[in-house]
Amino acid sequence: MTKLDRVTSRVVCFTAENVNTDQIIPARFLKRIDKTGFGNDLFADMKPPEVFGLSGARQRQIMLCGPNFGCGSSREHAVWALRDFGFRVLISTSFADIFSENALKNGVLIITLDAASHAQLVAAWQEAPHSEMTVDLEKQVISFSGLNIPFTGNSFSRTCLLEGLDELGYILRHEKQIAAFEAAR
């Protein structure tokens, strides 16, 4: 995985509610098991103007999402499509549980904010849609148009993202301690 400590980018603001994984990547595109190439089929049946009507949409790495983003089936391909399109950070008031886990395991930072903080970011984006947002995972703060909004998250996931490790990589970095424990048993 690629390390993720700080992302500065223009933002996509797609706040539709209950966007499910079949809308993110329709089932007919799930014929491959490699993680690349799915970005071309992102939102294939929806083509939301909030995403595709923006200049340089594929260069935007941060998406403000609506509540319950990633609901529906547990397909990991949805995260692969978002990541392949270019998104590294998703911000909402709520995400589906399995989607959240899939995102973090694939190097996409999921930030869940309270409704008031999320609304502040959406309003700021509406005022300045071409401004850049900075998400600093180390400091756990979102900076955008004069706002500095703190966030928290799972410390294990934060460590893995900051160090560019998946779960196996995290375990393997403790290989000597594991071998010593096994030898002593």
C-alpha atoms as a PDB file:
ATOM      1  CA  MET A   1       0.000   0.000   0.000  1.00  0.00           C
ATOM      2  CA  THR A   2       1.023   3.571  -0.568  1.00  0.00           C
ATOM      3  CA  LYS A   3       1.563   5.676   2.543  1.00  0.00           C
ATOM      4  CA  LEU A   4      -1.134   8.230   3.230  1.00  0.00           C
ATOM      5  CA  ASP A   5      -0.240  10.995   5.632  1.00  0.00           C
ATOM      6  CA  ARG A   6      -1.434  14.211   4.002  1.00  0.00           C
ATOM      7  CA  VAL A   7      -3.607  14.799   0.960  1.00  0.00           C
ATOM      8  CA  THR A   8      -4.125  18.225  -0.583  1.00  0.00           C
ATOM      9  CA  SER A   9      -6.517  18.337  -3.486  1.00  0.00           C
ATOM     10  CA  ARG A  10      -9.547  19.961  -4.991  1.00  0.00           C
ATOM     11  CA  VAL A  11     -12.738  18.218  -3.876  1.00  0.00           C
ATOM     12  CA  VAL A  12     -15.661  16.342  -5.396  1.00  0.00           C
ATOM     13  CA  CYS A  13     -18.887  17.034  -3.486  1.00  0.00           C
ATOM     14  CA  PHE A  14     -21.343  14.195  -4.145  1.00  0.00           C
ATOM     15  CA  THR A  15     -23.731  14.163  -1.213  1.00  0.00           C
ATOM     16  CA  ALA A  16     -26.487  11.857  -2.468  1.00  0.00           C
ATOM     17  CA  GLU A  17     -27.790   9.636   0.330  1.00  0.00           C
ATOM     18  CA  ASN A  18     -27.499   5.858   0.406  1.00  0.00           C
ATOM     19  CA  VAL A  19     -25.171   5.484  -2.577  1.00  0.00           C
ATOM     20  CA  ASN A  20     -24.732   1.730  -2.750  1.00  0.00           C
ATOM     21  CA  THR A  21     -21.879  -0.348  -4.071  1.00  0.00           C
ATOM     22  CA  ASP A  22     -23.861  -1.375  -7.157  1.00  0.00           C
ATOM     23  CA  GLN A  23     -24.196   2.304  -8.059  1.00  0.00           C
ATOM     24  CA  ILE A  24     -20.484   2.853  -7.416  1.00  0.00           C
ATOM     25  CA  ILE A  25     -19.511  -0.069  -9.698  1.00  0.00           C
ATOM     26  CA  PRO A  26     -22.337  -2.008 -11.407  1.00  0.00           C
ATOM     27  CA  ALA A  27     -22.189  -5.814 -11.188  1.00  0.00           C
ATOM     28  CA  ARG A  28     -21.574  -6.274 -14.919  1.00  0.00           C
ATOM     29  CA  PHE A  29     -18.055  -4.859 -14.428  1.00  0.00           C
ATOM     30  CA  LEU A  30     -17.045  -7.400 -11.760  1.00  0.00           C
ATOM     31  CA  LYS A  31     -15.444  -9.888 -14.118  1.00  0.00           C
ATOM     32  CA  ARG A  32     -11.845  -9.216 -13.068  1.00  0.00           C
ATOM     33  CA  ILE A  33      -9.996  -9.774  -9.822  1.00  0.00           C
ATOM     34  CA  ASP A  34      -7.136  -7.336 -10.349  1.00  0.00           C
ATOM     35  CA  LYS A  35      -7.618  -3.979  -8.660  1.00  0.00           C
ATOM     36  CA  THR A  36      -6.966  -1.744 -11.663  1.00  0.00           C
ATOM     37  CA  GLY A  37      -9.107  -0.440 -14.500  1.00  0.00           C
ATOM     38  CA  PHE A  38     -12.298  -0.114 -12.471  1.00  0.00           C
ATOM     39  CA  GLY A  39     -12.060   3.680 -12.284  1.00  0.00           C
ATOM     40  CA  ASN A  40     -13.215   3.878 -15.899  1.00  0.00           C
ATOM     41  CA  ASP A  41     -16.534   2.307 -14.844  1.00  0.00           C
ATOM     42  CA  LEU A  42     -17.075   4.327 -11.664  1.00  0.00           C
ATOM     43  CA  PHE A  43     -20.744   5.362 -11.359  1.00  0.00           C
ATOM     44  CA  ALA A  44     -21.277   3.949 -14.880  1.00  0.00           C
ATOM     45  CA  ASP A  45     -25.081   3.972 -14.688  1.00  0.00           C
ATOM     46  CA  MET A  46     -25.419   7.229 -12.757  1.00  0.00           C
ATOM     47  CA  LYS A  47     -22.795   9.520 -14.289  1.00  0.00           C
ATOM     48  CA  PRO A  48     -23.522  12.101 -11.570  1.00  0.00           C
ATOM     49  CA  PRO A  49     -22.704  15.638 -12.749  1.00  0.00           C
ATOM     50  CA  GLU A  50     -21.336  16.341  -9.254  1.00  0.00           C
ATOM     51  CA  VAL A  51     -18.472  14.035 -10.215  1.00  0.00           C
ATOM     52  CA  PHE A  52     -18.240  13.980 -13.986  1.00  0.00           C
ATOM     53  CA  GLY A  53     -19.275  17.596 -14.576  1.00  0.00           C
ATOM     54  CA  LEU A  54     -16.161  18.869 -12.831  1.00  0.00           C
ATOM     55  CA  SER A  55     -13.054  19.778 -14.737  1.00  0.00           C
ATOM     56  CA  GLY A  56     -10.174  17.574 -13.694  1.00  0.00           C
ATOM     57  CA  ALA A  57     -12.418  15.198 -11.770  1.00  0.00           C
ATOM     58  CA  ARG A  58      -9.837  12.409 -11.972  1.00  0.00           C
ATOM     59  CA  GLN A  59      -7.225  14.634 -10.369  1.00  0.00           C
ATOM     60  CA  ARG A  60      -9.426  15.256  -7.319  1.00  0.00           C
ATOM     61  CA  GLN A  61      -8.442  12.945  -4.489  1.00  0.00           C
ATOM     62  CA  ILE A  62     -11.038  13.908  -1.873  1.00  0.00           C
ATOM     63  CA  MET A  63     -14.783  13.298  -2.008  1.00  0.00           C
ATOM     64  CA  LEU A  64     -17.413  14.727   0.306  1.00  0.00           C
ATOM     65  CA  CYS A  65     -20.040  11.973   0.336  1.00  0.00           C
ATOM     66  CA  GLY A  66     -23.628  11.766   1.503  1.00  0.00           C
ATOM     67  CA  PRO A  67     -24.772   9.669   4.454  1.00  0.00           C
ATOM     68  CA  ASN A  68     -24.640   5.869   4.328  1.00  0.00           C
ATOM     69  CA  PHE A  69     -22.178   5.887   1.452  1.00  0.00           C
ATOM     70  CA  GLY A  70     -21.145   2.411   0.281  1.00  0.00           C
ATOM     71  CA  CYS A  71     -24.239   0.590   1.519  1.00  0.00           C
ATOM     72  CA  GLY A  72     -25.590  -2.508  -0.202  1.00  0.00           C
ATOM     73  CA  SER A  73     -23.500  -5.510  -1.096  1.00  0.00           C
ATOM     74  CA  SER A  74     -20.034  -5.989   0.319  1.00  0.00           C
ATOM     75  CA  ARG A  75     -18.202  -5.830  -3.009  1.00  0.00           C
ATOM     76  CA  GLU A  76     -14.636  -4.677  -2.596  1.00  0.00           C
ATOM     77  CA  HIS A  77     -14.668  -3.653  -6.265  1.00  0.00           C
ATOM     78  CA  ALA A  78     -16.480  -0.449  -5.261  1.00  0.00           C
ATOM     79  CA  VAL A  79     -13.429   0.689  -3.329  1.00  0.00           C
ATOM     80  CA  TRP A  80     -11.142  -0.450  -6.143  1.00  0.00           C
ATOM     81  CA  ALA A  81     -13.133   1.736  -8.572  1.00  0.00           C
ATOM     82  CA  LEU A  82     -12.982   4.805  -6.322  1.00  0.00           C
ATOM     83  CA  ARG A  83      -9.273   4.309  -5.681  1.00  0.00           C
ATOM     84  CA  ASP A  84      -8.508   3.663  -9.355  1.00  0.00           C
ATOM     85  CA  PHE A  85     -10.420   6.835 -10.286  1.00  0.00           C
ATOM     86  CA  GLY A  86      -8.084   8.721  -7.952  1.00  0.00           C
ATOM     87  CA  PHE A  87      -9.855   9.129  -4.614  1.00  0.00           C
ATOM     88  CA  ARG A  88      -7.698   8.730  -1.501  1.00  0.00           C
ATOM     89  CA  VAL A  89     -10.054  10.295   1.070  1.00  0.00           C
ATOM     90  CA  LEU A  90     -13.820   9.965   1.541  1.00  0.00           C
ATOM     91  CA  ILE A  91     -15.646  12.178   4.056  1.00  0.00           C
ATOM     92  CA  SER A  92     -19.242  11.640   5.202  1.00  0.00           C
ATOM     93  CA  THR A  93     -21.510  11.474   8.219  1.00  0.00           C
ATOM     94  CA  SER A  94     -21.748   7.680   7.852  1.00  0.00           C
ATOM     95  CA  PHE A  95     -20.413   4.809   5.791  1.00  0.00           C
ATOM     96  CA  ALA A  96     -21.541   1.218   5.517  1.00  0.00           C
ATOM     97  CA  ASP A  97     -19.419  -0.944   7.853  1.00  0.00           C
ATOM     98  CA  ILE A  98     -18.081  -3.430   5.310  1.00  0.00           C
ATOM     99  CA  PHE A  99     -17.394  -0.643   2.812  1.00  0.00           C
ATOM    100  CA  SER A 100     -15.393   1.196   5.478  1.00  0.00           C
ATOM    101  CA  GLU A 101     -13.280  -1.863   6.203  1.00  0.00           C
ATOM    102  CA  ASN A 102     -12.701  -2.495   2.492  1.00  0.00           C
ATOM    103  CA  ALA A 103     -11.671   1.137   2.001  1.00  0.00           C
ATOM    104  CA  LEU A 104      -9.145   1.134   4.800  1.00  0.00           C
ATOM    105  CA  LYS A 105      -7.694  -2.201   3.645  1.00  0.00           C
ATOM    106  CA  ASN A 106      -7.151  -0.679   0.206  1.00  0.00           C
ATOM    107  CA  GLY A 107      -5.486   2.549   1.318  1.00  0.00           C
ATOM    108  CA  VAL A 108      -8.522   4.849   1.176  1.00  0.00           C
ATOM    109  CA  LEU A 109      -9.044   6.999   4.254  1.00  0.00           C
ATOM    110  CA  ILE A 110     -12.621   7.074   5.533  1.00  0.00           C
ATOM    111  CA  ILE A 111     -13.514  10.062   7.732  1.00  0.00           C
ATOM    112  CA  THR A 112     -16.819  10.128   9.574  1.00  0.00           C
ATOM    113  CA  LEU A 113     -17.850  13.567  10.815  1.00  0.00           C
ATOM    114  CA  ASP A 114     -20.792  14.814  12.817  1.00  0.00           C
ATOM    115  CA  ALA A 115     -23.563  16.359  10.709  1.00  0.00           C
ATOM    116  CA  ALA A 116     -22.688  19.962  11.639  1.00  0.00           C
ATOM    117  CA  SER A 117     -19.000  19.636  10.661  1.00  0.00           C
ATOM    118  CA  HIS A 118     -19.911  17.873   7.424  1.00  0.00           C
ATOM    119  CA  ALA A 119     -22.442  20.609   6.613  1.00  0.00           C
ATOM    120  CA  GLN A 120     -19.746  23.248   7.218  1.00  0.00           C
ATOM    121  CA  LEU A 121     -17.454  21.556   4.699  1.00  0.00           C
ATOM    122  CA  VAL A 122     -20.235  21.228   2.117  1.00  0.00           C
ATOM    123  CA  ALA A 123     -21.181  24.901   2.544  1.00  0.00           C
ATOM    124  CA  ALA A 124     -17.534  25.958   2.245  1.00  0.00           C
ATOM    125  CA  TRP A 125     -17.167  23.842  -0.902  1.00  0.00           C
ATOM    126  CA  GLN A 126     -20.282  25.469  -2.397  1.00  0.00           C
ATOM    127  CA  GLU A 127     -18.680  28.874  -1.791  1.00  0.00           C
ATOM    128  CA  ALA A 128     -15.292  27.859  -3.208  1.00  0.00           C
ATOM    129  CA  PRO A 129     -15.597  24.671  -5.318  1.00  0.00           C
ATOM    130  CA  HIS A 130     -12.164  25.139  -6.887  1.00  0.00           C
ATOM    131  CA  SER A 131     -10.290  25.538  -3.598  1.00  0.00           C
ATOM    132  CA  GLU A 132      -8.033  22.838  -2.270  1.00  0.00           C
ATOM    133  CA  MET A 133      -8.689  20.898   0.911  1.00  0.00           C
ATOM    134  CA  THR A 134      -5.952  19.389   3.043  1.00  0.00           C
ATOM    135  CA  VAL A 135      -6.559  16.242   5.049  1.00  0.00           C
ATOM    136  CA  ASP A 136      -3.730  15.641   7.494  1.00  0.00           C
ATOM    137  CA  LEU A 137      -3.931  12.132   8.915  1.00  0.00           C
ATOM    138  CA  GLU A 138      -0.933  12.642  11.206  1.00  0.00           C
ATOM    139  CA  LYS A 139      -2.553  15.671  12.897  1.00  0.00           C
ATOM    140  CA  GLN A 140      -6.094  14.395  12.270  1.00  0.00           C
ATOM    141  CA  VAL A 141      -7.426  17.666  10.910  1.00  0.00           C
ATOM    142  CA  ILE A 142      -9.230  18.768   7.741  1.00  0.00           C
ATOM    143  CA  SER A 143      -8.325  22.281   6.551  1.00  0.00           C
ATOM    144  CA  PHE A 144     -10.505  23.991   3.965  1.00  0.00           C
ATOM    145  CA  SER A 145     -11.423  27.612   3.262  1.00  0.00           C
ATOM    146  CA  GLY A 146     -10.488  28.827   6.739  1.00  0.00           C
ATOM    147  CA  LEU A 147     -12.017  25.832   8.520  1.00  0.00           C
ATOM    148  CA  ASN A 148      -9.951  23.439  10.628  1.00  0.00           C
ATOM    149  CA  ILE A 149     -12.082  20.441  11.502  1.00  0.00           C
ATOM    150  CA  PRO A 150     -10.608  17.729  13.716  1.00  0.00           C
ATOM    151  CA  PHE A 151     -11.437  14.081  13.149  1.00  0.00           C
ATOM    152  CA  THR A 152     -10.703  10.792  14.821  1.00  0.00           C
ATOM    153  CA  GLY A 153     -10.607   7.233  13.617  1.00  0.00           C
ATOM    154  CA  ASN A 154      -9.449   3.734  14.320  1.00  0.00           C
ATOM    155  CA  SER A 155      -5.839   3.913  15.580  1.00  0.00           C
ATOM    156  CA  PHE A 156      -4.850   0.607  13.929  1.00  0.00           C
ATOM    157  CA  SER A 157      -6.123   1.776  10.543  1.00  0.00           C
ATOM    158  CA  ARG A 158      -4.432   5.141  11.037  1.00  0.00           C
ATOM    159  CA  THR A 159      -1.111   3.414  11.737  1.00  0.00           C
ATOM    160  CA  CYS A 160      -1.461   1.181   8.677  1.00  0.00           C
ATOM    161  CA  LEU A 161      -2.301   4.121   6.384  1.00  0.00           C
ATOM    162  CA  LEU A 162       0.502   6.313   7.755  1.00  0.00           C
ATOM    163  CA  GLU A 163       3.049   3.524   7.327  1.00  0.00           C
ATOM    164  CA  GLY A 164       1.696   2.174   4.028  1.00  0.00           C
ATOM    165  CA  LEU A 165       0.955  -1.262   5.473  1.00  0.00           C
ATOM    166  CA  ASP A 166      -1.882  -3.664   4.916  1.00  0.00           C
ATOM    167  CA  GLU A 167      -2.828  -6.028   7.741  1.00  0.00           C
ATOM    168  CA  LEU A 168      -0.308  -8.660   6.673  1.00  0.00           C
ATOM    169  CA  GLY A 169       2.446  -6.057   6.376  1.00  0.00           C
ATOM    170  CA  TYR A 170       1.643  -4.899   9.901  1.00  0.00           C
ATOM    171  CA  ILE A 171       1.953  -8.451  11.212  1.00  0.00           C
ATOM    172  CA  LEU A 172       5.168  -9.111   9.294  1.00  0.00           C
ATOM    173  CA  ARG A 173       6.884  -6.098  10.809  1.00  0.00           C
ATOM    174  CA  HIS A 174       6.647  -8.009  14.111  1.00  0.00           C
ATOM    175  CA  GLU A 175       8.116 -11.180  12.625  1.00  0.00           C
ATOM    176  CA  LYS A 176      11.085 -11.337  15.046  1.00  0.00           C
ATOM    177  CA  GLN A 177       8.857 -10.970  18.092  1.00  0.00           C
ATOM    178  CA  ILE A 178       6.466 -13.618  16.742  1.00  0.00           C
ATOM    179  CA  ALA A 179       9.346 -16.026  16.075  1.00  0.00           C
ATOM    180  CA  ALA A 180      10.731 -15.425  19.587  1.00  0.00           C
ATOM    181  CA  PHE A 181       7.320 -16.057  21.116  1.00  0.00           C
ATOM    182  CA  GLU A 182       6.857 -19.265  19.103  1.00  0.00           C
ATOM    183  CA  ALA A 183      10.370 -20.468  20.001  1.00  0.00           C
ATOM    184  CA  ALA A 184       9.684 -19.888  23.704  1.00  0.00           C
ATOM    185  CA  ARG A 185       6.420 -21.811  23.558  1.00  0.00           C
END
